[in-house]
Amino acid sequence: MKIKKYLKRGVEALTGSFLWIQSSFAALPDVSDPTNDVEDGNYLGLAQAYGFDFVALLVLVVASVGFLTVASNVISSYREVQTGKKTWTELGIQFVVGCLLLVFIIFLMTEVSGILDD
């Protein structure tokens, strides 16, 4: 009797999972072409073009993390100015240094993209 019960539950579980899996096979969008133009059949060039796009995305992520880090540092310095632990001059210095750091990061990232483009 117990075998029938377990067999019935197993069949129900398999049927339910099969129906659930079938509903997940939706129409997926096409893969977009890389930004660099590649000839048909040149798979190495295609991989390099996708690699260039990946590095460009990575450059944007690094620049975004740098911006968020500088913004967080300046906000925490502003909080310390409000409590009296730091002066407005120290806040201004951190802001200027953070902006210069961001300009340097963006410069380096554009150089990386230029090197990969050649």
PDB file of N, CA and C in Angstrom:
ATOM      1  N   MET A   1       0.814  -1.192   0.000  1.00  0.00           N
ATOM      2  CA  MET A   1       0.000   0.000   0.000  1.00  0.00           C
ATOM      3  C   MET A   1       0.857   1.256   0.000  1.00  0.00           C
ATOM      4  N   LYS A   2       1.930   1.224   0.808  1.00  0.00           N
ATOM      5  CA  LYS A   2       2.806   2.388   0.866  1.00  0.00           C
ATOM      6  C   LYS A   2       3.544   2.584  -0.447  1.00  0.00           C
ATOM      7  N   ILE A   3       3.858   1.513  -1.156  1.00  0.00           N
ATOM      8  CA  ILE A   3       4.578   1.629  -2.418  1.00  0.00           C
ATOM      9  C   ILE A   3       3.724   2.361  -3.439  1.00  0.00           C
ATOM     10  N   LYS A   4       2.428   2.056  -3.490  1.00  0.00           N
ATOM     11  CA  LYS A   4       1.534   2.740  -4.414  1.00  0.00           C
ATOM     12  C   LYS A   4       1.462   4.239  -4.097  1.00  0.00           C
ATOM     13  N   LYS A   5       1.426   4.537  -2.810  1.00  0.00           N
ATOM     14  CA  LYS A   5       1.332   5.936  -2.385  1.00  0.00           C
ATOM     15  C   LYS A   5       2.596   6.707  -2.802  1.00  0.00           C
ATOM     16  N   TYR A   6       3.761   6.112  -2.568  1.00  0.00           N
ATOM     17  CA  TYR A   6       5.012   6.772  -2.943  1.00  0.00           C
ATOM     18  C   TYR A   6       5.159   6.846  -4.462  1.00  0.00           C
ATOM     19  N   LEU A   7       4.726   5.819  -5.167  1.00  0.00           N
ATOM     20  CA  LEU A   7       4.784   5.825  -6.619  1.00  0.00           C
ATOM     21  C   LEU A   7       3.882   6.916  -7.178  1.00  0.00           C
ATOM     22  N   LYS A   8       2.697   7.059  -6.615  1.00  0.00           N
ATOM     23  CA  LYS A   8       1.762   8.093  -7.059  1.00  0.00           C
ATOM     24  C   LYS A   8       2.344   9.486  -6.811  1.00  0.00           C
ATOM     25  N   ARG A   9       2.968   9.708  -5.640  1.00  0.00           N
ATOM     26  CA  ARG A   9       3.573  10.997  -5.332  1.00  0.00           C
ATOM     27  C   ARG A   9       4.740  11.289  -6.281  1.00  0.00           C
ATOM     28  N   GLY A  10       5.506  10.255  -6.590  1.00  0.00           N
ATOM     29  CA  GLY A  10       6.632  10.439  -7.503  1.00  0.00           C
ATOM     30  C   GLY A  10       6.169  10.826  -8.897  1.00  0.00           C
ATOM     31  N   VAL A  11       5.120  10.164  -9.386  1.00  0.00           N
ATOM     32  CA  VAL A  11       4.579  10.497 -10.703  1.00  0.00           C
ATOM     33  C   VAL A  11       4.022  11.923 -10.701  1.00  0.00           C
ATOM     34  N   GLU A  12       3.337  12.291  -9.647  1.00  0.00           N
ATOM     35  CA  GLU A  12       2.805  13.655  -9.549  1.00  0.00           C
ATOM     36  C   GLU A  12       3.934  14.685  -9.523  1.00  0.00           C
ATOM     37  N   ALA A  13       4.990  14.387  -8.793  1.00  0.00           N
ATOM     38  CA  ALA A  13       6.117  15.313  -8.721  1.00  0.00           C
ATOM     39  C   ALA A  13       6.796  15.449 -10.075  1.00  0.00           C
ATOM     40  N   LEU A  14       7.000  14.325 -10.771  1.00  0.00           N
ATOM     41  CA  LEU A  14       7.624  14.386 -12.086  1.00  0.00           C
ATOM     42  C   LEU A  14       6.752  15.132 -13.087  1.00  0.00           C
ATOM     43  N   THR A  15       5.460  14.882 -13.056  1.00  0.00           N
ATOM     44  CA  THR A  15       4.544  15.577 -13.968  1.00  0.00           C
ATOM     45  C   THR A  15       4.531  17.075 -13.685  1.00  0.00           C
ATOM     46  N   GLY A  16       4.475  17.434 -12.416  1.00  0.00           N
ATOM     47  CA  GLY A  16       4.475  18.845 -12.061  1.00  0.00           C
ATOM     48  C   GLY A  16       5.768  19.544 -12.449  1.00  0.00           C
ATOM     49  N   SER A  17       6.883  18.870 -12.219  1.00  0.00           N
ATOM     50  CA  SER A  17       8.161  19.486 -12.585  1.00  0.00           C
ATOM     51  C   SER A  17       8.311  19.583 -14.093  1.00  0.00           C
ATOM     52  N   PHE A  18       7.788  18.591 -14.838  1.00  0.00           N
ATOM     53  CA  PHE A  18       7.854  18.655 -16.292  1.00  0.00           C
ATOM     54  C   PHE A  18       7.040  19.833 -16.814  1.00  0.00           C
ATOM     55  N   LEU A  19       5.845  20.025 -16.269  1.00  0.00           N
ATOM     56  CA  LEU A  19       5.011  21.153 -16.701  1.00  0.00           C
ATOM     57  C   LEU A  19       5.657  22.485 -16.315  1.00  0.00           C
ATOM     58  N   TRP A  20       6.295  22.535 -15.166  1.00  0.00           N
ATOM     59  CA  TRP A  20       6.950  23.761 -14.729  1.00  0.00           C
ATOM     60  C   TRP A  20       8.138  24.083 -15.635  1.00  0.00           C
ATOM     61  N   ILE A  21       8.885  23.043 -16.022  1.00  0.00           N
ATOM     62  CA  ILE A  21      10.035  23.244 -16.901  1.00  0.00           C
ATOM     63  C   ILE A  21       9.575  23.676 -18.282  1.00  0.00           C
ATOM     64  N   GLN A  22       8.506  23.098 -18.789  1.00  0.00           N
ATOM     65  CA  GLN A  22       8.007  23.465 -20.109  1.00  0.00           C
ATOM     66  C   GLN A  22       7.587  24.932 -20.162  1.00  0.00           C
ATOM     67  N   SER A  23       7.048  25.446 -19.081  1.00  0.00           N
ATOM     68  CA  SER A  23       6.613  26.841 -19.101  1.00  0.00           C
ATOM     69  C   SER A  23       7.798  27.805 -19.064  1.00  0.00           C
ATOM     70  N   SER A  24       8.973  27.323 -18.699  1.00  0.00           N
ATOM     71  CA  SER A  24      10.137  28.200 -18.653  1.00  0.00           C
ATOM     72  C   SER A  24      10.842  28.311 -19.996  1.00  0.00           C
ATOM     73  N   PHE A  25      10.450  27.541 -20.990  1.00  0.00           N
ATOM     74  CA  PHE A  25      11.058  27.619 -22.317  1.00  0.00           C
ATOM     75  C   PHE A  25      10.391  28.716 -23.135  1.00  0.00           C
ATOM     76  N   ALA A  26      10.575  29.950 -22.716  1.00  0.00           N
ATOM     77  CA  ALA A  26       9.994  31.083 -23.421  1.00  0.00           C
ATOM     78  C   ALA A  26      10.892  31.456 -24.593  1.00  0.00           C
ATOM     79  N   ALA A  27      10.400  32.323 -25.434  1.00  0.00           N
ATOM     80  CA  ALA A  27      11.193  32.779 -26.573  1.00  0.00           C
ATOM     81  C   ALA A  27      12.271  33.731 -26.067  1.00  0.00           C
ATOM     82  N   LEU A  28      13.520  33.304 -26.175  1.00  0.00           N
ATOM     83  CA  LEU A  28      14.630  34.117 -25.706  1.00  0.00           C
ATOM     84  C   LEU A  28      15.018  35.132 -26.776  1.00  0.00           C
ATOM     85  N   PRO A  29      15.497  36.302 -26.383  1.00  0.00           N
ATOM     86  CA  PRO A  29      15.905  37.288 -27.388  1.00  0.00           C
ATOM     87  C   PRO A  29      17.198  36.857 -28.076  1.00  0.00           C
ATOM     88  N   ASP A  30      17.425  37.429 -29.253  1.00  0.00           N
ATOM     89  CA  ASP A  30      18.651  37.129 -29.983  1.00  0.00           C
ATOM     90  C   ASP A  30      19.837  37.782 -29.293  1.00  0.00           C
ATOM     91  N   VAL A  31      21.007  37.174 -29.459  1.00  0.00           N
ATOM     92  CA  VAL A  31      22.234  37.740 -28.906  1.00  0.00           C
ATOM     93  C   VAL A  31      22.637  38.913 -29.788  1.00  0.00           C
ATOM     94  N   SER A  32      22.930  40.041 -29.169  1.00  0.00           N
ATOM     95  CA  SER A  32      23.310  41.221 -29.954  1.00  0.00           C
ATOM     96  C   SER A  32      24.721  41.058 -30.495  1.00  0.00           C
ATOM     97  N   ASP A  33      24.960  41.675 -31.637  1.00  0.00           N
ATOM     98  CA  ASP A  33      26.279  41.619 -32.248  1.00  0.00           C
ATOM     99  C   ASP A  33      27.246  42.498 -31.467  1.00  0.00           C
ATOM    100  N   PRO A  34      28.542  42.163 -31.502  1.00  0.00           N
ATOM    101  CA  PRO A  34      29.514  43.024 -30.814  1.00  0.00           C
ATOM    102  C   PRO A  34      29.625  44.372 -31.523  1.00  0.00           C
ATOM    103  N   THR A  35      30.181  45.349 -30.827  1.00  0.00           N
ATOM    104  CA  THR A  35      30.263  46.691 -31.395  1.00  0.00           C
ATOM    105  C   THR A  35      31.275  46.763 -32.542  1.00  0.00           C
ATOM    106  N   ASN A  36      32.321  45.958 -32.510  1.00  0.00           N
ATOM    107  CA  ASN A  36      33.290  45.938 -33.608  1.00  0.00           C
ATOM    108  C   ASN A  36      32.752  45.073 -34.734  1.00  0.00           C
ATOM    109  N   ASP A  37      32.989  45.496 -35.966  1.00  0.00           N
ATOM    110  CA  ASP A  37      32.482  44.770 -37.128  1.00  0.00           C
ATOM    111  C   ASP A  37      33.347  43.538 -37.389  1.00  0.00           C
ATOM    112  N   VAL A  38      32.698  42.382 -37.558  1.00  0.00           N
ATOM    113  CA  VAL A  38      33.406  41.116 -37.748  1.00  0.00           C
ATOM    114  C   VAL A  38      32.868  40.442 -39.007  1.00  0.00           C
ATOM    115  N   GLU A  39      33.786  39.857 -39.790  1.00  0.00           N
ATOM    116  CA  GLU A  39      33.378  39.123 -40.986  1.00  0.00           C
ATOM    117  C   GLU A  39      32.692  37.820 -40.604  1.00  0.00           C
ATOM    118  N   ASP A  40      31.837  37.328 -41.491  1.00  0.00           N
ATOM    119  CA  ASP A  40      31.168  36.056 -41.237  1.00  0.00           C
ATOM    120  C   ASP A  40      32.190  34.919 -41.256  1.00  0.00           C
ATOM    121  N   GLY A  41      32.109  34.042 -40.265  1.00  0.00           N
ATOM    122  CA  GLY A  41      32.997  32.888 -40.181  1.00  0.00           C
ATOM    123  C   GLY A  41      34.285  33.158 -39.435  1.00  0.00           C
ATOM    124  N   ASN A  42      34.568  34.386 -39.073  1.00  0.00           N
ATOM    125  CA  ASN A  42      35.783  34.718 -38.336  1.00  0.00           C
ATOM    126  C   ASN A  42      35.462  34.622 -36.840  1.00  0.00           C
ATOM    127  N   TYR A  43      35.565  33.419 -36.314  1.00  0.00           N
ATOM    128  CA  TYR A  43      35.168  33.189 -34.919  1.00  0.00           C
ATOM    129  C   TYR A  43      36.177  33.764 -33.932  1.00  0.00           C
ATOM    130  N   LEU A  44      37.436  33.796 -34.297  1.00  0.00           N
ATOM    131  CA  LEU A  44      38.440  34.401 -33.421  1.00  0.00           C
ATOM    132  C   LEU A  44      38.203  35.909 -33.317  1.00  0.00           C
ATOM    133  N   GLY A  45      37.906  36.538 -34.439  1.00  0.00           N
ATOM    134  CA  GLY A  45      37.586  37.969 -34.424  1.00  0.00           C
ATOM    135  C   GLY A  45      36.320  38.249 -33.642  1.00  0.00           C
ATOM    136  N   LEU A  46      35.347  37.340 -33.728  1.00  0.00           N
ATOM    137  CA  LEU A  46      34.107  37.496 -32.975  1.00  0.00           C
ATOM    138  C   LEU A  46      34.374  37.405 -31.470  1.00  0.00           C
ATOM    139  N   ALA A  47      35.219  36.442 -31.081  1.00  0.00           N
ATOM    140  CA  ALA A  47      35.564  36.315 -29.664  1.00  0.00           C
ATOM    141  C   ALA A  47      36.329  37.544 -29.180  1.00  0.00           C
ATOM    142  N   GLN A  48      37.211  38.080 -30.015  1.00  0.00           N
ATOM    143  CA  GLN A  48      37.945  39.289 -29.639  1.00  0.00           C
ATOM    144  C   GLN A  48      37.007  40.485 -29.518  1.00  0.00           C
ATOM    145  N   ALA A  49      36.023  40.575 -30.406  1.00  0.00           N
ATOM    146  CA  ALA A  49      35.073  41.688 -30.352  1.00  0.00           C
ATOM    147  C   ALA A  49      34.220  41.609 -29.083  1.00  0.00           C
ATOM    148  N   TYR A  50      33.773  40.404 -28.737  1.00  0.00           N
ATOM    149  CA  TYR A  50      33.021  40.253 -27.486  1.00  0.00           C
ATOM    150  C   TYR A  50      33.914  40.512 -26.274  1.00  0.00           C
ATOM    151  N   GLY A  51      35.187  40.135 -26.354  1.00  0.00           N
ATOM    152  CA  GLY A  51      36.130  40.428 -25.279  1.00  0.00           C
ATOM    153  C   GLY A  51      36.326  41.926 -25.109  1.00  0.00           C
ATOM    154  N   PHE A  52      36.391  42.652 -26.229  1.00  0.00           N
ATOM    155  CA  PHE A  52      36.511  44.102 -26.157  1.00  0.00           C
ATOM    156  C   PHE A  52      35.277  44.708 -25.479  1.00  0.00           C
ATOM    157  N   ASP A  53      34.093  44.217 -25.827  1.00  0.00           N
ATOM    158  CA  ASP A  53      32.868  44.714 -25.195  1.00  0.00           C
ATOM    159  C   ASP A  53      32.862  44.405 -23.701  1.00  0.00           C
ATOM    160  N   PHE A  54      33.358  43.223 -23.330  1.00  0.00           N
ATOM    161  CA  PHE A  54      33.421  42.865 -21.915  1.00  0.00           C
ATOM    162  C   PHE A  54      34.376  43.785 -21.159  1.00  0.00           C
ATOM    163  N   VAL A  55      35.525  44.075 -21.751  1.00  0.00           N
ATOM    164  CA  VAL A  55      36.488  44.970 -21.102  1.00  0.00           C
ATOM    165  C   VAL A  55      35.916  46.380 -20.996  1.00  0.00           C
ATOM    166  N   ALA A  56      35.184  46.826 -22.014  1.00  0.00           N
ATOM    167  CA  ALA A  56      34.548  48.143 -21.954  1.00  0.00           C
ATOM    168  C   ALA A  56      33.533  48.192 -20.814  1.00  0.00           C
ATOM    169  N   LEU A  57      32.787  47.115 -20.639  1.00  0.00           N
ATOM    170  CA  LEU A  57      31.842  47.054 -19.520  1.00  0.00           C
ATOM    171  C   LEU A  57      32.580  47.045 -18.186  1.00  0.00           C
ATOM    172  N   LEU A  58      33.670  46.318 -18.116  1.00  0.00           N
ATOM    173  CA  LEU A  58      34.477  46.265 -16.897  1.00  0.00           C
ATOM    174  C   LEU A  58      35.058  47.640 -16.560  1.00  0.00           C
ATOM    175  N   VAL A  59      35.456  48.387 -17.587  1.00  0.00           N
ATOM    176  CA  VAL A  59      35.968  49.742 -17.387  1.00  0.00           C
ATOM    177  C   VAL A  59      34.882  50.625 -16.784  1.00  0.00           C
ATOM    178  N   LEU A  60      33.664  50.511 -17.280  1.00  0.00           N
ATOM    179  CA  LEU A  60      32.562  51.299 -16.728  1.00  0.00           C
ATOM    180  C   LEU A  60      32.274  50.929 -15.281  1.00  0.00           C
ATOM    181  N   VAL A  61      32.379  49.644 -14.962  1.00  0.00           N
ATOM    182  CA  VAL A  61      32.144  49.202 -13.584  1.00  0.00           C
ATOM    183  C   VAL A  61      33.227  49.760 -12.657  1.00  0.00           C
ATOM    184  N   VAL A  62      34.474  49.724 -13.092  1.00  0.00           N
ATOM    185  CA  VAL A  62      35.568  50.249 -12.264  1.00  0.00           C
ATOM    186  C   VAL A  62      35.393  51.747 -12.033  1.00  0.00           C
ATOM    187  N   ALA A  63      35.031  52.481 -13.083  1.00  0.00           N
ATOM    188  CA  ALA A  63      34.818  53.924 -12.933  1.00  0.00           C
ATOM    189  C   ALA A  63      33.629  54.203 -12.008  1.00  0.00           C
ATOM    190  N   SER A  64      32.582  53.399 -12.106  1.00  0.00           N
ATOM    191  CA  SER A  64      31.417  53.584 -11.228  1.00  0.00           C
ATOM    192  C   SER A  64      31.764  53.305  -9.773  1.00  0.00           C
ATOM    193  N   VAL A  65      32.533  52.259  -9.542  1.00  0.00           N
ATOM    194  CA  VAL A  65      32.954  51.951  -8.169  1.00  0.00           C
ATOM    195  C   VAL A  65      33.832  53.069  -7.617  1.00  0.00           C
ATOM    196  N   GLY A  66      34.711  53.615  -8.448  1.00  0.00           N
ATOM    197  CA  GLY A  66      35.530  54.746  -8.019  1.00  0.00           C
ATOM    198  C   GLY A  66      34.675  55.956  -7.664  1.00  0.00           C
ATOM    199  N   PHE A  67      33.662  56.244  -8.487  1.00  0.00           N
ATOM    200  CA  PHE A  67      32.780  57.367  -8.198  1.00  0.00           C
ATOM    201  C   PHE A  67      32.036  57.156  -6.884  1.00  0.00           C
ATOM    202  N   LEU A  68      31.506  55.950  -6.683  1.00  0.00           N
ATOM    203  CA  LEU A  68      30.768  55.667  -5.448  1.00  0.00           C
ATOM    204  C   LEU A  68      31.677  55.734  -4.222  1.00  0.00           C
ATOM    205  N   THR A  69      32.918  55.296  -4.368  1.00  0.00           N
ATOM    206  CA  THR A  69      33.863  55.360  -3.251  1.00  0.00           C
ATOM    207  C   THR A  69      34.185  56.804  -2.878  1.00  0.00           C
ATOM    208  N   VAL A  70      34.439  57.633  -3.885  1.00  0.00           N
ATOM    209  CA  VAL A  70      34.730  59.040  -3.621  1.00  0.00           C
ATOM    210  C   VAL A  70      33.511  59.725  -3.009  1.00  0.00           C
ATOM    211  N   ALA A  71      32.333  59.447  -3.543  1.00  0.00           N
ATOM    212  CA  ALA A  71      31.120  60.062  -3.002  1.00  0.00           C
ATOM    213  C   ALA A  71      30.892  59.639  -1.554  1.00  0.00           C
ATOM    214  N   SER A  72      31.105  58.378  -1.249  1.00  0.00           N
ATOM    215  CA  SER A  72      30.933  57.901   0.122  1.00  0.00           C
ATOM    216  C   SER A  72      31.924  58.571   1.066  1.00  0.00           C
ATOM    217  N   ASN A  73      33.164  58.724   0.602  1.00  0.00           N
ATOM    218  CA  ASN A  73      34.188  59.350   1.433  1.00  0.00           C
ATOM    219  C   ASN A  73      33.853  60.812   1.705  1.00  0.00           C
ATOM    220  N   VAL A  74      33.391  61.524   0.689  1.00  0.00           N
ATOM    221  CA  VAL A  74      33.049  62.932   0.871  1.00  0.00           C
ATOM    222  C   VAL A  74      31.833  63.072   1.783  1.00  0.00           C
ATOM    223  N   ILE A  75      30.855  62.187   1.650  1.00  0.00           N
ATOM    224  CA  ILE A  75      29.668  62.245   2.515  1.00  0.00           C
ATOM    225  C   ILE A  75      30.044  61.963   3.965  1.00  0.00           C
ATOM    226  N   SER A  76      30.926  60.987   4.181  1.00  0.00           N
ATOM    227  CA  SER A  76      31.343  60.707   5.559  1.00  0.00           C
ATOM    228  C   SER A  76      32.157  61.869   6.125  1.00  0.00           C
ATOM    229  N   SER A  77      32.951  62.532   5.289  1.00  0.00           N
ATOM    230  CA  SER A  77      33.683  63.713   5.760  1.00  0.00           C
ATOM    231  C   SER A  77      32.723  64.846   6.092  1.00  0.00           C
ATOM    232  N   TYR A  78      31.684  65.004   5.312  1.00  0.00           N
ATOM    233  CA  TYR A  78      30.685  66.035   5.601  1.00  0.00           C
ATOM    234  C   TYR A  78      30.003  65.755   6.946  1.00  0.00           C
ATOM    235  N   ARG A  79      29.725  64.493   7.197  1.00  0.00           N
ATOM    236  CA  ARG A  79      29.122  64.107   8.481  1.00  0.00           C
ATOM    237  C   ARG A  79      30.065  64.457   9.637  1.00  0.00           C
ATOM    238  N   GLU A  80      31.358  64.233   9.445  1.00  0.00           N
ATOM    239  CA  GLU A  80      32.331  64.564  10.489  1.00  0.00           C
ATOM    240  C   GLU A  80      32.491  66.077  10.659  1.00  0.00           C
ATOM    241  N   VAL A  81      32.294  66.834   9.583  1.00  0.00           N
ATOM    242  CA  VAL A  81      32.319  68.290   9.696  1.00  0.00           C
ATOM    243  C   VAL A  81      31.133  68.751  10.537  1.00  0.00           C
ATOM    244  N   GLN A  82      29.978  68.137  10.325  1.00  0.00           N
ATOM    245  CA  GLN A  82      28.786  68.521  11.072  1.00  0.00           C
ATOM    246  C   GLN A  82      28.918  68.211  12.563  1.00  0.00           C
ATOM    247  N   THR A  83      29.651  67.154  12.892  1.00  0.00           N
ATOM    248  CA  THR A  83      29.848  66.819  14.310  1.00  0.00           C
ATOM    249  C   THR A  83      31.018  67.581  14.927  1.00  0.00           C
ATOM    250  N   GLY A  84      31.799  68.269  14.098  1.00  0.00           N
ATOM    251  CA  GLY A  84      32.900  69.065  14.614  1.00  0.00           C
ATOM    252  C   GLY A  84      34.226  68.342  14.675  1.00  0.00           C
ATOM    253  N   LYS A  85      34.316  67.128  14.129  1.00  0.00           N
ATOM    254  CA  LYS A  85      35.576  66.380  14.158  1.00  0.00           C
ATOM    255  C   LYS A  85      36.547  66.847  13.068  1.00  0.00           C
ATOM    256  N   LYS A  86      36.015  67.386  11.965  1.00  0.00           N
ATOM    257  CA  LYS A  86      36.845  67.884  10.871  1.00  0.00           C
ATOM    258  C   LYS A  86      36.418  69.303  10.532  1.00  0.00           C
ATOM    259  N   THR A  87      37.258  69.970   9.729  1.00  0.00           N
ATOM    260  CA  THR A  87      36.947  71.342   9.317  1.00  0.00           C
ATOM    261  C   THR A  87      36.447  71.334   7.873  1.00  0.00           C
ATOM    262  N   TRP A  88      35.916  72.476   7.440  1.00  0.00           N
ATOM    263  CA  TRP A  88      35.443  72.604   6.067  1.00  0.00           C
ATOM    264  C   TRP A  88      36.610  72.533   5.086  1.00  0.00           C
ATOM    265  N   THR A  89      37.762  72.957   5.485  1.00  0.00           N
ATOM    266  CA  THR A  89      38.942  72.885   4.619  1.00  0.00           C
ATOM    267  C   THR A  89      39.293  71.435   4.309  1.00  0.00           C
ATOM    268  N   GLU A  90      39.241  70.579   5.318  1.00  0.00           N
ATOM    269  CA  GLU A  90      39.528  69.149   5.095  1.00  0.00           C
ATOM    270  C   GLU A  90      38.498  68.529   4.161  1.00  0.00           C
ATOM    271  N   LEU A  91      37.242  68.954   4.297  1.00  0.00           N
ATOM    272  CA  LEU A  91      36.204  68.454   3.390  1.00  0.00           C
ATOM    273  C   LEU A  91      36.488  68.900   1.964  1.00  0.00           C
ATOM    274  N   GLY A  92      36.863  70.158   1.784  1.00  0.00           N
ATOM    275  CA  GLY A  92      37.183  70.672   0.452  1.00  0.00           C
ATOM    276  C   GLY A  92      38.375  69.961  -0.164  1.00  0.00           C
ATOM    277  N   ILE A  93      39.388  69.688   0.651  1.00  0.00           N
ATOM    278  CA  ILE A  93      40.566  68.981   0.152  1.00  0.00           C
ATOM    279  C   ILE A  93      40.185  67.573  -0.298  1.00  0.00           C
ATOM    280  N   GLN A  94      39.374  66.887   0.499  1.00  0.00           N
ATOM    281  CA  GLN A  94      38.951  65.535   0.106  1.00  0.00           C
ATOM    282  C   GLN A  94      38.111  65.569  -1.163  1.00  0.00           C
ATOM    283  N   PHE A  95      37.288  66.580  -1.312  1.00  0.00           N
ATOM    284  CA  PHE A  95      36.470  66.699  -2.522  1.00  0.00           C
ATOM    285  C   PHE A  95      37.347  66.914  -3.751  1.00  0.00           C
ATOM    286  N   VAL A  96      38.319  67.818  -3.650  1.00  0.00           N
ATOM    287  CA  VAL A  96      39.199  68.103  -4.790  1.00  0.00           C
ATOM    288  C   VAL A  96      40.054  66.892  -5.129  1.00  0.00           C
ATOM    289  N   VAL A  97      40.610  66.240  -4.131  1.00  0.00           N
ATOM    290  CA  VAL A  97      41.430  65.050  -4.380  1.00  0.00           C
ATOM    291  C   VAL A  97      40.576  63.932  -4.978  1.00  0.00           C
ATOM    292  N   GLY A  98      39.357  63.779  -4.494  1.00  0.00           N
ATOM    293  CA  GLY A  98      38.459  62.763  -5.057  1.00  0.00           C
ATOM    294  C   GLY A  98      38.129  63.039  -6.512  1.00  0.00           C
ATOM    295  N   CYS A  99      37.882  64.306  -6.844  1.00  0.00           N
ATOM    296  CA  CYS A  99      37.607  64.661  -8.241  1.00  0.00           C
ATOM    297  C   CYS A  99      38.822  64.397  -9.124  1.00  0.00           C
ATOM    298  N   LEU A 100      40.006  64.751  -8.643  1.00  0.00           N
ATOM    299  CA  LEU A 100      41.216  64.469  -9.409  1.00  0.00           C
ATOM    300  C   LEU A 100      41.432  62.964  -9.589  1.00  0.00           C
ATOM    301  N   LEU A 101      41.130  62.212  -8.560  1.00  0.00           N
ATOM    302  CA  LEU A 101      41.237  60.753  -8.650  1.00  0.00           C
ATOM    303  C   LEU A 101      40.278  60.202  -9.692  1.00  0.00           C
ATOM    304  N   LEU A 102      39.063  60.728  -9.733  1.00  0.00           N
ATOM    305  CA  LEU A 102      38.093  60.272 -10.738  1.00  0.00           C
ATOM    306  C   LEU A 102      38.548  60.631 -12.149  1.00  0.00           C
ATOM    307  N   VAL A 103      39.088  61.819 -12.327  1.00  0.00           N
ATOM    308  CA  VAL A 103      39.593  62.208 -13.649  1.00  0.00           C
ATOM    309  C   VAL A 103      40.739  61.279 -14.056  1.00  0.00           C
ATOM    310  N   PHE A 104      41.619  60.944 -13.138  1.00  0.00           N
ATOM    311  CA  PHE A 104      42.730  60.037 -13.429  1.00  0.00           C
ATOM    312  C   PHE A 104      42.221  58.638 -13.780  1.00  0.00           C
ATOM    313  N   ILE A 105      41.227  58.162 -13.040  1.00  0.00           N
ATOM    314  CA  ILE A 105      40.655  56.840 -13.329  1.00  0.00           C
ATOM    315  C   ILE A 105      40.027  56.824 -14.719  1.00  0.00           C
ATOM    316  N   ILE A 106      39.265  57.858 -15.044  1.00  0.00           N
ATOM    317  CA  ILE A 106      38.623  57.907 -16.363  1.00  0.00           C
ATOM    318  C   ILE A 106      39.671  58.001 -17.462  1.00  0.00           C
ATOM    319  N   PHE A 107      40.749  58.771 -17.227  1.00  0.00           N
ATOM    320  CA  PHE A 107      41.823  58.850 -18.208  1.00  0.00           C
ATOM    321  C   PHE A 107      42.462  57.481 -18.443  1.00  0.00           C
ATOM    322  N   LEU A 108      42.757  56.769 -17.356  1.00  0.00           N
ATOM    323  CA  LEU A 108      43.369  55.444 -17.507  1.00  0.00           C
ATOM    324  C   LEU A 108      42.434  54.464 -18.210  1.00  0.00           C
ATOM    325  N   MET A 109      41.164  54.539 -17.912  1.00  0.00           N
ATOM    326  CA  MET A 109      40.221  53.613 -18.526  1.00  0.00           C
ATOM    327  C   MET A 109      40.054  53.893 -20.024  1.00  0.00           C
ATOM    328  N   THR A 110      40.094  55.166 -20.431  1.00  0.00           N
ATOM    329  CA  THR A 110      40.020  55.457 -21.857  1.00  0.00           C
ATOM    330  C   THR A 110      41.294  55.028 -22.568  1.00  0.00           C
ATOM    331  N   GLU A 111      42.428  55.089 -21.878  1.00  0.00           N
ATOM    332  CA  GLU A 111      43.672  54.584 -22.464  1.00  0.00           C
ATOM    333  C   GLU A 111      43.600  53.066 -22.670  1.00  0.00           C
ATOM    334  N   VAL A 112      43.013  52.372 -21.706  1.00  0.00           N
ATOM    335  CA  VAL A 112      42.861  50.921 -21.832  1.00  0.00           C
ATOM    336  C   VAL A 112      41.977  50.591 -23.037  1.00  0.00           C
ATOM    337  N   SER A 113      40.877  51.321 -23.187  1.00  0.00           N
ATOM    338  CA  SER A 113      39.999  51.076 -24.335  1.00  0.00           C
ATOM    339  C   SER A 113      40.702  51.378 -25.637  1.00  0.00           C
ATOM    340  N   GLY A 114      41.532  52.418 -25.665  1.00  0.00           N
ATOM    341  CA  GLY A 114      42.283  52.745 -26.882  1.00  0.00           C
ATOM    342  C   GLY A 114      43.301  51.679 -27.218  1.00  0.00           C
ATOM    343  N   ILE A 115      43.959  51.127 -26.230  1.00  0.00           N
ATOM    344  CA  ILE A 115      44.937  50.066 -26.468  1.00  0.00           C
ATOM    345  C   ILE A 115      44.258  48.822 -27.032  1.00  0.00           C
ATOM    346  N   LEU A 116      43.103  48.484 -26.481  1.00  0.00           N
ATOM    347  CA  LEU A 116      42.401  47.292 -26.955  1.00  0.00           C
ATOM    348  C   LEU A 116      41.799  47.497 -28.335  1.00  0.00           C
ATOM    349  N   ASP A 117      41.501  48.728 -28.705  1.00  0.00           N
ATOM    350  CA  ASP A 117      40.876  49.001 -29.998  1.00  0.00           C
ATOM    351  C   ASP A 117      41.866  48.827 -31.131  1.00  0.00           C
ATOM    352  N   ASP A 118      43.144  49.026 -30.867  1.00  0.00           N
ATOM    353  CA  ASP A 118      44.168  48.908 -31.937  1.00  0.00           C
ATOM    354  C   ASP A 118      44.425  47.495 -32.326  1.00  0.00           C
TER     355      ASP A 118
END
